[in-house]
Amino acid sequence: ISEETSLKMRRLMRLVVKHGTGRNAAAPGYVVGGKTGTAEKVSGRG
């Protein structure tokens, strides 16, 4: 991906920790960014 896209993604990942679903990953004094994930486990055909 381009450097520009990488910067945009870093900004979005930072936003997830600062104001979104990843707030619980905040580490005071450190600039953390990330992405949450939750998936139901497969069981048979569902």
PDB file of all heavy atoms in Angstrom:
ATOM      1  N   ILE A   1       0.862  -1.189   0.000  1.00  0.00           N
ATOM      2  CA  ILE A   1       0.000   0.000   0.000  1.00  0.00           C
ATOM      3  C   ILE A   1       0.893   1.231   0.000  1.00  0.00           C
ATOM      4  O   ILE A   1       2.068   1.156   0.338  1.00  0.00           O
ATOM      5  CB  ILE A   1      -0.983   0.049   1.208  1.00  0.00           C
ATOM      6  CG1 ILE A   1      -0.228   0.088   2.534  1.00  0.00           C
ATOM      7  CG2 ILE A   1      -1.973  -1.096   1.154  1.00  0.00           C
ATOM      8  CD1 ILE A   1      -1.132   0.297   3.756  1.00  0.00           C
ATOM      9  N   SER A   2       0.334   2.368  -0.365  1.00  0.00           N
ATOM     10  CA  SER A   2       1.131   3.599  -0.424  1.00  0.00           C
ATOM     11  C   SER A   2       1.412   4.125   0.984  1.00  0.00           C
ATOM     12  O   SER A   2       0.715   3.788   1.947  1.00  0.00           O
ATOM     13  CB  SER A   2       0.384   4.670  -1.223  1.00  0.00           C
ATOM     14  OG  SER A   2      -0.748   5.118  -0.493  1.00  0.00           O
ATOM     15  N   GLU A   3       2.423   4.976   1.089  1.00  0.00           N
ATOM     16  CA  GLU A   3       2.734   5.614   2.370  1.00  0.00           C
ATOM     17  C   GLU A   3       1.550   6.449   2.851  1.00  0.00           C
ATOM     18  O   GLU A   3       1.256   6.495   4.040  1.00  0.00           O
ATOM     19  CB  GLU A   3       3.984   6.491   2.246  1.00  0.00           C
ATOM     20  CG  GLU A   3       5.260   5.694   2.164  1.00  0.00           C
ATOM     21  CD  GLU A   3       6.485   6.577   2.204  1.00  0.00           C
ATOM     22  OE1 GLU A   3       6.554   7.463   3.082  1.00  0.00           O
ATOM     23  OE2 GLU A   3       7.364   6.371   1.364  1.00  0.00           O
ATOM     24  N   GLU A   4       0.878   7.101   1.925  1.00  0.00           N
ATOM     25  CA  GLU A   4      -0.288   7.925   2.268  1.00  0.00           C
ATOM     26  C   GLU A   4      -1.404   7.074   2.874  1.00  0.00           C
ATOM     27  O   GLU A   4      -2.013   7.438   3.880  1.00  0.00           O
ATOM     28  CB  GLU A   4      -0.802   8.659   1.032  1.00  0.00           C
ATOM     29  CG  GLU A   4      -2.000   9.538   1.303  1.00  0.00           C
ATOM     30  CD  GLU A   4      -2.535  10.207   0.034  1.00  0.00           C
ATOM     31  OE1 GLU A   4      -1.890  10.132  -1.022  1.00  0.00           O
ATOM     32  OE2 GLU A   4      -3.613  10.804   0.137  1.00  0.00           O
ATOM     33  N   THR A   5      -1.669   5.921   2.271  1.00  0.00           N
ATOM     34  CA  THR A   5      -2.690   5.024   2.801  1.00  0.00           C
ATOM     35  C   THR A   5      -2.273   4.503   4.175  1.00  0.00           C
ATOM     36  O   THR A   5      -3.101   4.401   5.085  1.00  0.00           O
ATOM     37  CB  THR A   5      -2.945   3.866   1.825  1.00  0.00           C
ATOM     38  OG1 THR A   5      -3.416   4.409   0.589  1.00  0.00           O
ATOM     39  CG2 THR A   5      -3.974   2.886   2.373  1.00  0.00           C
ATOM     40  N   SER A   6      -1.004   4.191   4.348  1.00  0.00           N
ATOM     41  CA  SER A   6      -0.503   3.730   5.639  1.00  0.00           C
ATOM     42  C   SER A   6      -0.730   4.788   6.719  1.00  0.00           C
ATOM     43  O   SER A   6      -1.175   4.472   7.826  1.00  0.00           O
ATOM     44  CB  SER A   6       0.990   3.391   5.538  1.00  0.00           C
ATOM     45  OG  SER A   6       1.506   3.022   6.791  1.00  0.00           O
ATOM     46  N   LEU A   7      -0.453   6.031   6.414  1.00  0.00           N
ATOM     47  CA  LEU A   7      -0.676   7.112   7.381  1.00  0.00           C
ATOM     48  C   LEU A   7      -2.159   7.228   7.726  1.00  0.00           C
ATOM     49  O   LEU A   7      -2.523   7.366   8.905  1.00  0.00           O
ATOM     50  CB  LEU A   7      -0.156   8.445   6.837  1.00  0.00           C
ATOM     51  CG  LEU A   7      -0.411   9.668   7.720  1.00  0.00           C
ATOM     52  CD1 LEU A   7       0.228   9.500   9.103  1.00  0.00           C
ATOM     53  CD2 LEU A   7       0.103  10.933   7.045  1.00  0.00           C
ATOM     54  N   LYS A   8      -3.013   7.137   6.718  1.00  0.00           N
ATOM     55  CA  LYS A   8      -4.457   7.197   6.984  1.00  0.00           C
ATOM     56  C   LYS A   8      -4.907   6.039   7.870  1.00  0.00           C
ATOM     57  O   LYS A   8      -5.718   6.218   8.778  1.00  0.00           O
ATOM     58  CB  LYS A   8      -5.245   7.185   5.672  1.00  0.00           C
ATOM     59  CG  LYS A   8      -5.136   8.488   4.903  1.00  0.00           C
ATOM     60  CD  LYS A   8      -5.874   8.417   3.584  1.00  0.00           C
ATOM     61  CE  LYS A   8      -5.723   9.720   2.824  1.00  0.00           C
ATOM     62  NZ  LYS A   8      -6.377   9.669   1.506  1.00  0.00           N
ATOM     63  N   MET A   9      -4.370   4.867   7.627  1.00  0.00           N
ATOM     64  CA  MET A   9      -4.726   3.706   8.440  1.00  0.00           C
ATOM     65  C   MET A   9      -4.226   3.863   9.875  1.00  0.00           C
ATOM     66  O   MET A   9      -4.928   3.502  10.821  1.00  0.00           O
ATOM     67  CB  MET A   9      -4.174   2.421   7.814  1.00  0.00           C
ATOM     68  CG  MET A   9      -4.838   2.049   6.505  1.00  0.00           C
ATOM     69  SD  MET A   9      -6.630   1.832   6.638  1.00  0.00           S
ATOM     70  CE  MET A   9      -6.717   0.450   7.748  1.00  0.00           C
ATOM     71  N   ARG A  10      -3.032   4.416  10.044  1.00  0.00           N
ATOM     72  CA  ARG A  10      -2.532   4.661  11.404  1.00  0.00           C
ATOM     73  C   ARG A  10      -3.438   5.638  12.133  1.00  0.00           C
ATOM     74  O   ARG A  10      -3.722   5.476  13.322  1.00  0.00           O
ATOM     75  CB  ARG A  10      -1.096   5.180  11.365  1.00  0.00           C
ATOM     76  CG  ARG A  10      -0.106   4.107  11.010  1.00  0.00           C
ATOM     77  CD  ARG A  10       1.329   4.439  11.374  1.00  0.00           C
ATOM     78  NE  ARG A  10       1.761   5.785  11.147  1.00  0.00           N
ATOM     79  CZ  ARG A  10       2.356   6.212  10.030  1.00  0.00           C
ATOM     80  NH1 ARG A  10       2.547   5.394   9.021  1.00  0.00           N
ATOM     81  NH2 ARG A  10       2.765   7.449   9.926  1.00  0.00           N
ATOM     82  N   ARG A  11      -3.886   6.658  11.427  1.00  0.00           N
ATOM     83  CA  ARG A  11      -4.796   7.626  12.047  1.00  0.00           C
ATOM     84  C   ARG A  11      -6.110   6.957  12.455  1.00  0.00           C
ATOM     85  O   ARG A  11      -6.633   7.203  13.535  1.00  0.00           O
ATOM     86  CB  ARG A  11      -5.068   8.785  11.098  1.00  0.00           C
ATOM     87  CG  ARG A  11      -3.895   9.718  10.939  1.00  0.00           C
ATOM     88  CD  ARG A  11      -4.180  10.803   9.945  1.00  0.00           C
ATOM     89  NE  ARG A  11      -3.106  11.765   9.930  1.00  0.00           N
ATOM     90  CZ  ARG A  11      -2.896  12.609   8.946  1.00  0.00           C
ATOM     91  NH1 ARG A  11      -3.689  12.622   7.884  1.00  0.00           N
ATOM     92  NH2 ARG A  11      -1.895  13.464   9.001  1.00  0.00           N
ATOM     93  N   LEU A  12      -6.641   6.114  11.578  1.00  0.00           N
ATOM     94  CA  LEU A  12      -7.886   5.420  11.898  1.00  0.00           C
ATOM     95  C   LEU A  12      -7.699   4.453  13.059  1.00  0.00           C
ATOM     96  O   LEU A  12      -8.557   4.367  13.950  1.00  0.00           O
ATOM     97  CB  LEU A  12      -8.416   4.684  10.666  1.00  0.00           C
ATOM     98  CG  LEU A  12      -8.949   5.568   9.550  1.00  0.00           C
ATOM     99  CD1 LEU A  12      -9.233   4.743   8.298  1.00  0.00           C
ATOM    100  CD2 LEU A  12     -10.186   6.321   9.999  1.00  0.00           C
ATOM    101  N   MET A  13      -6.588   3.734  13.073  1.00  0.00           N
ATOM    102  CA  MET A  13      -6.327   2.804  14.174  1.00  0.00           C
ATOM    103  C   MET A  13      -6.143   3.558  15.486  1.00  0.00           C
ATOM    104  O   MET A  13      -6.568   3.086  16.542  1.00  0.00           O
ATOM    105  CB  MET A  13      -5.111   1.936  13.858  1.00  0.00           C
ATOM    106  CG  MET A  13      -5.375   0.934  12.744  1.00  0.00           C
ATOM    107  SD  MET A  13      -3.905   0.047  12.202  1.00  0.00           S
ATOM    108  CE  MET A  13      -3.623  -1.014  13.603  1.00  0.00           C
ATOM    109  N   ARG A  14      -5.541   4.719  15.418  1.00  0.00           N
ATOM    110  CA  ARG A  14      -5.400   5.540  16.624  1.00  0.00           C
ATOM    111  C   ARG A  14      -6.772   5.986  17.112  1.00  0.00           C
ATOM    112  O   ARG A  14      -7.057   6.009  18.311  1.00  0.00           O
ATOM    113  CB  ARG A  14      -4.500   6.754  16.343  1.00  0.00           C
ATOM    114  CG  ARG A  14      -4.346   7.689  17.502  1.00  0.00           C
ATOM    115  CD  ARG A  14      -3.645   7.033  18.684  1.00  0.00           C
ATOM    116  NE  ARG A  14      -3.616   7.957  19.803  1.00  0.00           N
ATOM    117  CZ  ARG A  14      -3.755   7.615  21.063  1.00  0.00           C
ATOM    118  NH1 ARG A  14      -3.898   6.349  21.393  1.00  0.00           N
ATOM    119  NH2 ARG A  14      -3.731   8.508  22.013  1.00  0.00           N
ATOM    120  N   LEU A  15      -7.635   6.338  16.181  1.00  0.00           N
ATOM    121  CA  LEU A  15      -8.991   6.764  16.513  1.00  0.00           C
ATOM    122  C   LEU A  15      -9.764   5.649  17.230  1.00  0.00           C
ATOM    123  O   LEU A  15     -10.543   5.925  18.143  1.00  0.00           O
ATOM    124  CB  LEU A  15      -9.713   7.183  15.234  1.00  0.00           C
ATOM    125  CG  LEU A  15     -10.977   7.999  15.358  1.00  0.00           C
ATOM    126  CD1 LEU A  15     -10.714   9.321  16.055  1.00  0.00           C
ATOM    127  CD2 LEU A  15     -11.570   8.246  13.978  1.00  0.00           C
ATOM    128  N   VAL A  16      -9.528   4.396  16.847  1.00  0.00           N
ATOM    129  CA  VAL A  16     -10.185   3.257  17.501  1.00  0.00           C
ATOM    130  C   VAL A  16      -9.838   3.213  18.990  1.00  0.00           C
ATOM    131  O   VAL A  16     -10.693   2.940  19.827  1.00  0.00           O
ATOM    132  CB  VAL A  16      -9.785   1.924  16.811  1.00  0.00           C
ATOM    133  CG1 VAL A  16     -10.207   0.717  17.635  1.00  0.00           C
ATOM    134  CG2 VAL A  16     -10.377   1.851  15.413  1.00  0.00           C
ATOM    135  N   VAL A  17      -8.581   3.514  19.322  1.00  0.00           N
ATOM    136  CA  VAL A  17      -8.160   3.479  20.728  1.00  0.00           C
ATOM    137  C   VAL A  17      -8.553   4.757  21.453  1.00  0.00           C
ATOM    138  O   VAL A  17      -8.964   4.721  22.614  1.00  0.00           O
ATOM    139  CB  VAL A  17      -6.638   3.235  20.841  1.00  0.00           C
ATOM    140  CG1 VAL A  17      -6.164   3.365  22.285  1.00  0.00           C
ATOM    141  CG2 VAL A  17      -6.292   1.860  20.288  1.00  0.00           C
ATOM    142  N   LYS A  18      -8.467   5.863  20.781  1.00  0.00           N
ATOM    143  CA  LYS A  18      -8.767   7.140  21.440  1.00  0.00           C
ATOM    144  C   LYS A  18     -10.265   7.348  21.657  1.00  0.00           C
ATOM    145  O   LYS A  18     -10.678   7.812  22.718  1.00  0.00           O
ATOM    146  CB  LYS A  18      -8.190   8.290  20.604  1.00  0.00           C
ATOM    147  CG  LYS A  18      -8.283   9.643  21.250  1.00  0.00           C
ATOM    148  CD  LYS A  18      -7.376   9.746  22.446  1.00  0.00           C
ATOM    149  CE  LYS A  18      -7.475  11.141  23.048  1.00  0.00           C
ATOM    150  NZ  LYS A  18      -6.778  11.240  24.297  1.00  0.00           N
ATOM    151  N   HIS A  19     -11.083   6.992  20.676  1.00  0.00           N
ATOM    152  CA  HIS A  19     -12.507   7.316  20.756  1.00  0.00           C
ATOM    153  C   HIS A  19     -13.440   6.149  20.414  1.00  0.00           C
ATOM    154  O   HIS A  19     -14.646   6.343  20.357  1.00  0.00           O
ATOM    155  CB  HIS A  19     -12.836   8.485  19.811  1.00  0.00           C
ATOM    156  CG  HIS A  19     -12.098   9.726  20.131  1.00  0.00           C
ATOM    157  ND1 HIS A  19     -12.408  10.527  21.195  1.00  0.00           N
ATOM    158  CD2 HIS A  19     -11.014  10.298  19.539  1.00  0.00           C
ATOM    159  CE1 HIS A  19     -11.574  11.561  21.243  1.00  0.00           C
ATOM    160  NE2 HIS A  19     -10.717  11.435  20.244  1.00  0.00           N
ATOM    161  N   GLY A  20     -12.898   4.972  20.141  1.00  0.00           N
ATOM    162  CA  GLY A  20     -13.752   3.888  19.659  1.00  0.00           C
ATOM    163  C   GLY A  20     -13.774   2.655  20.534  1.00  0.00           C
ATOM    164  O   GLY A  20     -13.594   2.726  21.752  1.00  0.00           O
ATOM    165  N   THR A  21     -13.951   1.521  19.891  1.00  0.00           N
ATOM    166  CA  THR A  21     -14.131   0.255  20.598  1.00  0.00           C
ATOM    167  C   THR A  21     -12.867  -0.251  21.270  1.00  0.00           C
ATOM    168  O   THR A  21     -12.933  -1.155  22.094  1.00  0.00           O
ATOM    169  CB  THR A  21     -14.632  -0.829  19.618  1.00  0.00           C
ATOM    170  OG1 THR A  21     -13.707  -0.929  18.533  1.00  0.00           O
ATOM    171  CG2 THR A  21     -16.026  -0.513  19.111  1.00  0.00           C
ATOM    172  N   GLY A  22     -11.729   0.320  20.950  1.00  0.00           N
ATOM    173  CA  GLY A  22     -10.463  -0.114  21.542  1.00  0.00           C
ATOM    174  C   GLY A  22      -9.976   0.758  22.685  1.00  0.00           C
ATOM    175  O   GLY A  22      -8.803   0.704  23.049  1.00  0.00           O
ATOM    176  N   ARG A  23     -10.841   1.546  23.275  1.00  0.00           N
ATOM    177  CA  ARG A  23     -10.431   2.450  24.363  1.00  0.00           C
ATOM    178  C   ARG A  23      -9.720   1.741  25.499  1.00  0.00           C
ATOM    179  O   ARG A  23      -8.855   2.308  26.154  1.00  0.00           O
ATOM    180  CB  ARG A  23     -11.652   3.181  24.928  1.00  0.00           C
ATOM    181  CG  ARG A  23     -12.206   4.204  24.003  1.00  0.00           C
ATOM    182  CD  ARG A  23     -13.395   4.896  24.622  1.00  0.00           C
ATOM    183  NE  ARG A  23     -13.974   5.797  23.649  1.00  0.00           N
ATOM    184  CZ  ARG A  23     -15.171   6.306  23.747  1.00  0.00           C
ATOM    185  NH1 ARG A  23     -15.929   6.023  24.775  1.00  0.00           N
ATOM    186  NH2 ARG A  23     -15.635   7.110  22.816  1.00  0.00           N
ATOM    187  N   ASN A  24     -10.082   0.501  25.744  1.00  0.00           N
ATOM    188  CA  ASN A  24      -9.478  -0.241  26.851  1.00  0.00           C
ATOM    189  C   ASN A  24      -8.032  -0.644  26.577  1.00  0.00           C
ATOM    190  O   ASN A  24      -7.374  -1.198  27.455  1.00  0.00           O
ATOM    191  CB  ASN A  24     -10.320  -1.475  27.187  1.00  0.00           C
ATOM    192  CG  ASN A  24     -11.645  -1.091  27.801  1.00  0.00           C
ATOM    193  OD1 ASN A  24     -11.736  -0.154  28.589  1.00  0.00           O
ATOM    194  ND2 ASN A  24     -12.689  -1.803  27.435  1.00  0.00           N
ATOM    195  N   ALA A  25      -7.516  -0.363  25.395  1.00  0.00           N
ATOM    196  CA  ALA A  25      -6.113  -0.638  25.072  1.00  0.00           C
ATOM    197  C   ALA A  25      -5.234   0.580  25.318  1.00  0.00           C
ATOM    198  O   ALA A  25      -4.016   0.504  25.152  1.00  0.00           O
ATOM    199  CB  ALA A  25      -5.974  -1.080  23.615  1.00  0.00           C
ATOM    200  N   ALA A  26      -5.824   1.682  25.710  1.00  0.00           N
ATOM    201  CA  ALA A  26      -5.041   2.901  25.939  1.00  0.00           C
ATOM    202  C   ALA A  26      -3.982   2.656  27.016  1.00  0.00           C
ATOM    203  O   ALA A  26      -4.249   2.014  28.031  1.00  0.00           O
ATOM    204  CB  ALA A  26      -5.954   4.048  26.346  1.00  0.00           C
ATOM    205  N   ALA A  27      -2.800   3.159  26.766  1.00  0.00           N
ATOM    206  CA  ALA A  27      -1.692   3.067  27.708  1.00  0.00           C
ATOM    207  C   ALA A  27      -1.188   4.491  27.910  1.00  0.00           C
ATOM    208  O   ALA A  27      -0.561   5.051  27.014  1.00  0.00           O
ATOM    209  CB  ALA A  27      -0.588   2.173  27.157  1.00  0.00           C
ATOM    210  N   PRO A  28      -1.485   5.104  29.048  1.00  0.00           N
ATOM    211  CA  PRO A  28      -1.113   6.502  29.271  1.00  0.00           C
ATOM    212  C   PRO A  28       0.351   6.782  28.923  1.00  0.00           C
ATOM    213  O   PRO A  28       1.249   6.068  29.359  1.00  0.00           O
ATOM    214  CB  PRO A  28      -1.386   6.709  30.760  1.00  0.00           C
ATOM    215  CG  PRO A  28      -2.451   5.708  31.078  1.00  0.00           C
ATOM    216  CD  PRO A  28      -2.138   4.514  30.212  1.00  0.00           C
ATOM    217  N   GLY A  29       0.547   7.794  28.092  1.00  0.00           N
ATOM    218  CA  GLY A  29       1.885   8.197  27.680  1.00  0.00           C
ATOM    219  C   GLY A  29       2.367   7.536  26.400  1.00  0.00           C
ATOM    220  O   GLY A  29       3.378   7.935  25.845  1.00  0.00           O
ATOM    221  N   TYR A  30       1.641   6.521  25.916  1.00  0.00           N
ATOM    222  CA  TYR A  30       2.051   5.812  24.711  1.00  0.00           C
ATOM    223  C   TYR A  30       0.949   5.907  23.669  1.00  0.00           C
ATOM    224  O   TYR A  30      -0.215   5.755  23.971  1.00  0.00           O
ATOM    225  CB  TYR A  30       2.376   4.348  25.035  1.00  0.00           C
ATOM    226  CG  TYR A  30       3.505   4.263  26.031  1.00  0.00           C
ATOM    227  CD1 TYR A  30       3.257   4.037  27.372  1.00  0.00           C
ATOM    228  CD2 TYR A  30       4.819   4.469  25.627  1.00  0.00           C
ATOM    229  CE1 TYR A  30       4.285   4.001  28.299  1.00  0.00           C
ATOM    230  CE2 TYR A  30       5.851   4.440  26.540  1.00  0.00           C
ATOM    231  CZ  TYR A  30       5.581   4.203  27.880  1.00  0.00           C
ATOM    232  OH  TYR A  30       6.602   4.187  28.779  1.00  0.00           O
ATOM    233  N   VAL A  31       1.341   6.163  22.439  1.00  0.00           N
ATOM    234  CA  VAL A  31       0.384   6.368  21.359  1.00  0.00           C
ATOM    235  C   VAL A  31       0.079   5.012  20.715  1.00  0.00           C
ATOM    236  O   VAL A  31       0.821   4.533  19.866  1.00  0.00           O
ATOM    237  CB  VAL A  31       0.925   7.371  20.318  1.00  0.00           C
ATOM    238  CG1 VAL A  31      -0.143   7.694  19.288  1.00  0.00           C
ATOM    239  CG2 VAL A  31       1.410   8.640  21.004  1.00  0.00           C
ATOM    240  N   VAL A  32      -1.013   4.410  21.168  1.00  0.00           N
ATOM    241  CA  VAL A  32      -1.416   3.079  20.719  1.00  0.00           C
ATOM    242  C   VAL A  32      -2.564   3.213  19.726  1.00  0.00           C
ATOM    243  O   VAL A  32      -3.460   4.037  19.905  1.00  0.00           O
ATOM    244  CB  VAL A  32      -1.866   2.213  21.921  1.00  0.00           C
ATOM    245  CG1 VAL A  32      -2.301   0.823  21.463  1.00  0.00           C
ATOM    246  CG2 VAL A  32      -0.761   2.126  22.965  1.00  0.00           C
ATOM    247  N   GLY A  33      -2.549   2.393  18.701  1.00  0.00           N
ATOM    248  CA  GLY A  33      -3.657   2.315  17.761  1.00  0.00           C
ATOM    249  C   GLY A  33      -3.942   0.866  17.486  1.00  0.00           C
ATOM    250  O   GLY A  33      -3.054   0.015  17.616  1.00  0.00           O
ATOM    251  N   GLY A  34      -5.177   0.538  17.125  1.00  0.00           N
ATOM    252  CA  GLY A  34      -5.456  -0.871  16.895  1.00  0.00           C
ATOM    253  C   GLY A  34      -6.814  -1.130  16.298  1.00  0.00           C
ATOM    254  O   GLY A  34      -7.513  -0.217  15.851  1.00  0.00           O
ATOM    255  N   LYS A  35      -7.189  -2.408  16.323  1.00  0.00           N
ATOM    256  CA  LYS A  35      -8.456  -2.857  15.760  1.00  0.00           C
ATOM    257  C   LYS A  35      -8.983  -4.012  16.588  1.00  0.00           C
ATOM    258  O   LYS A  35      -8.265  -4.950  16.879  1.00  0.00           O
ATOM    259  CB  LYS A  35      -8.247  -3.307  14.305  1.00  0.00           C
ATOM    260  CG  LYS A  35      -9.483  -3.857  13.631  1.00  0.00           C
ATOM    261  CD  LYS A  35     -10.518  -2.770  13.395  1.00  0.00           C
ATOM    262  CE  LYS A  35     -11.771  -3.299  12.726  1.00  0.00           C
ATOM    263  NZ  LYS A  35     -12.823  -3.672  13.676  1.00  0.00           N
ATOM    264  N   THR A  36     -10.254  -3.911  16.957  1.00  0.00           N
ATOM    265  CA  THR A  36     -10.901  -4.985  17.699  1.00  0.00           C
ATOM    266  C   THR A  36     -11.398  -6.048  16.734  1.00  0.00           C
ATOM    267  O   THR A  36     -11.637  -5.780  15.550  1.00  0.00           O
ATOM    268  CB  THR A  36     -12.111  -4.457  18.499  1.00  0.00           C
ATOM    269  OG1 THR A  36     -13.022  -3.820  17.602  1.00  0.00           O
ATOM    270  CG2 THR A  36     -11.693  -3.485  19.567  1.00  0.00           C
ATOM    271  N   GLY A  37     -11.573  -7.249  17.264  1.00  0.00           N
ATOM    272  CA  GLY A  37     -12.140  -8.332  16.479  1.00  0.00           C
ATOM    273  C   GLY A  37     -12.912  -9.272  17.378  1.00  0.00           C
ATOM    274  O   GLY A  37     -12.439  -9.635  18.455  1.00  0.00           O
ATOM    275  N   THR A  38     -14.106  -9.630  16.954  1.00  0.00           N
ATOM    276  CA  THR A  38     -14.920 -10.598  17.686  1.00  0.00           C
ATOM    277  C   THR A  38     -15.588 -11.498  16.658  1.00  0.00           C
ATOM    278  O   THR A  38     -16.237 -11.000  15.741  1.00  0.00           O
ATOM    279  CB  THR A  38     -16.001  -9.888  18.532  1.00  0.00           C
ATOM    280  OG1 THR A  38     -15.367  -8.917  19.371  1.00  0.00           O
ATOM    281  CG2 THR A  38     -16.782 -10.879  19.380  1.00  0.00           C
ATOM    282  N   ALA A  39     -15.403 -12.800  16.806  1.00  0.00           N
ATOM    283  CA  ALA A  39     -15.972 -13.746  15.851  1.00  0.00           C
ATOM    284  C   ALA A  39     -16.603 -14.917  16.584  1.00  0.00           C
ATOM    285  O   ALA A  39     -16.054 -15.403  17.574  1.00  0.00           O
ATOM    286  CB  ALA A  39     -14.891 -14.257  14.907  1.00  0.00           C
ATOM    287  N   GLU A  40     -17.751 -15.344  16.089  1.00  0.00           N
ATOM    288  CA  GLU A  40     -18.375 -16.552  16.622  1.00  0.00           C
ATOM    289  C   GLU A  40     -17.652 -17.762  16.040  1.00  0.00           C
ATOM    290  O   GLU A  40     -17.288 -17.772  14.873  1.00  0.00           O
ATOM    291  CB  GLU A  40     -19.852 -16.598  16.250  1.00  0.00           C
ATOM    292  CG  GLU A  40     -20.661 -15.496  16.894  1.00  0.00           C
ATOM    293  CD  GLU A  40     -22.107 -15.465  16.411  1.00  0.00           C
ATOM    294  OE1 GLU A  40     -22.421 -16.074  15.361  1.00  0.00           O
ATOM    295  OE2 GLU A  40     -22.914 -14.805  17.080  1.00  0.00           O
ATOM    296  N   LYS A  41     -17.461 -18.784  16.864  1.00  0.00           N
ATOM    297  CA  LYS A  41     -16.776 -19.990  16.417  1.00  0.00           C
ATOM    298  C   LYS A  41     -17.712 -20.841  15.553  1.00  0.00           C
ATOM    299  O   LYS A  41     -18.907 -20.898  15.790  1.00  0.00           O
ATOM    300  CB  LYS A  41     -16.283 -20.787  17.616  1.00  0.00           C
ATOM    301  CG  LYS A  41     -15.173 -20.056  18.368  1.00  0.00           C
ATOM    302  CD  LYS A  41     -14.768 -20.786  19.613  1.00  0.00           C
ATOM    303  CE  LYS A  41     -13.904 -21.968  19.280  1.00  0.00           C
ATOM    304  NZ  LYS A  41     -13.342 -22.594  20.503  1.00  0.00           N
ATOM    305  N   VAL A  42     -17.121 -21.502  14.583  1.00  0.00           N
ATOM    306  CA  VAL A  42     -17.873 -22.381  13.696  1.00  0.00           C
ATOM    307  C   VAL A  42     -18.275 -23.642  14.456  1.00  0.00           C
ATOM    308  O   VAL A  42     -17.499 -24.191  15.239  1.00  0.00           O
ATOM    309  CB  VAL A  42     -17.026 -22.760  12.462  1.00  0.00           C
ATOM    310  CG1 VAL A  42     -17.743 -23.782  11.595  1.00  0.00           C
ATOM    311  CG2 VAL A  42     -16.684 -21.522  11.655  1.00  0.00           C
ATOM    312  N   SER A  43     -19.504 -24.090  14.192  1.00  0.00           N
ATOM    313  CA  SER A  43     -20.011 -25.323  14.800  1.00  0.00           C
ATOM    314  C   SER A  43     -20.897 -26.015  13.768  1.00  0.00           C
ATOM    315  O   SER A  43     -21.987 -25.524  13.459  1.00  0.00           O
ATOM    316  CB  SER A  43     -20.810 -25.006  16.058  1.00  0.00           C
ATOM    317  OG  SER A  43     -21.406 -26.183  16.564  1.00  0.00           O
ATOM    318  N   GLY A  44     -20.423 -27.115  13.230  1.00  0.00           N
ATOM    319  CA  GLY A  44     -21.197 -27.808  12.195  1.00  0.00           C
ATOM    320  C   GLY A  44     -21.366 -26.933  10.977  1.00  0.00           C
ATOM    321  O   GLY A  44     -20.408 -26.468  10.385  1.00  0.00           O
ATOM    322  N   ARG A  45     -22.631 -26.636  10.637  1.00  0.00           N
ATOM    323  CA  ARG A  45     -22.913 -25.790   9.475  1.00  0.00           C
ATOM    324  C   ARG A  45     -23.279 -24.373   9.864  1.00  0.00           C
ATOM    325  O   ARG A  45     -23.815 -23.618   9.055  1.00  0.00           O
ATOM    326  CB  ARG A  45     -24.047 -26.412   8.661  1.00  0.00           C
ATOM    327  CG  ARG A  45     -23.658 -27.707   8.036  1.00  0.00           C
ATOM    328  CD  ARG A  45     -24.791 -28.251   7.218  1.00  0.00           C
ATOM    329  NE  ARG A  45     -24.367 -29.479   6.575  1.00  0.00           N
ATOM    330  CZ  ARG A  45     -24.756 -29.847   5.390  1.00  0.00           C
ATOM    331  NH1 ARG A  45     -25.589 -29.104   4.705  1.00  0.00           N
ATOM    332  NH2 ARG A  45     -24.328 -30.975   4.883  1.00  0.00           N
ATOM    333  N   GLY A  46     -23.019 -24.024  11.110  1.00  0.00           N
ATOM    334  CA  GLY A  46     -23.364 -22.688  11.574  1.00  0.00           C
ATOM    335  C   GLY A  46     -22.328 -22.170  12.558  1.00  0.00           C
ATOM    336  O   GLY A  46     -21.163 -22.547  12.501  1.00  0.00           O
TER     337      GLY A  46
END
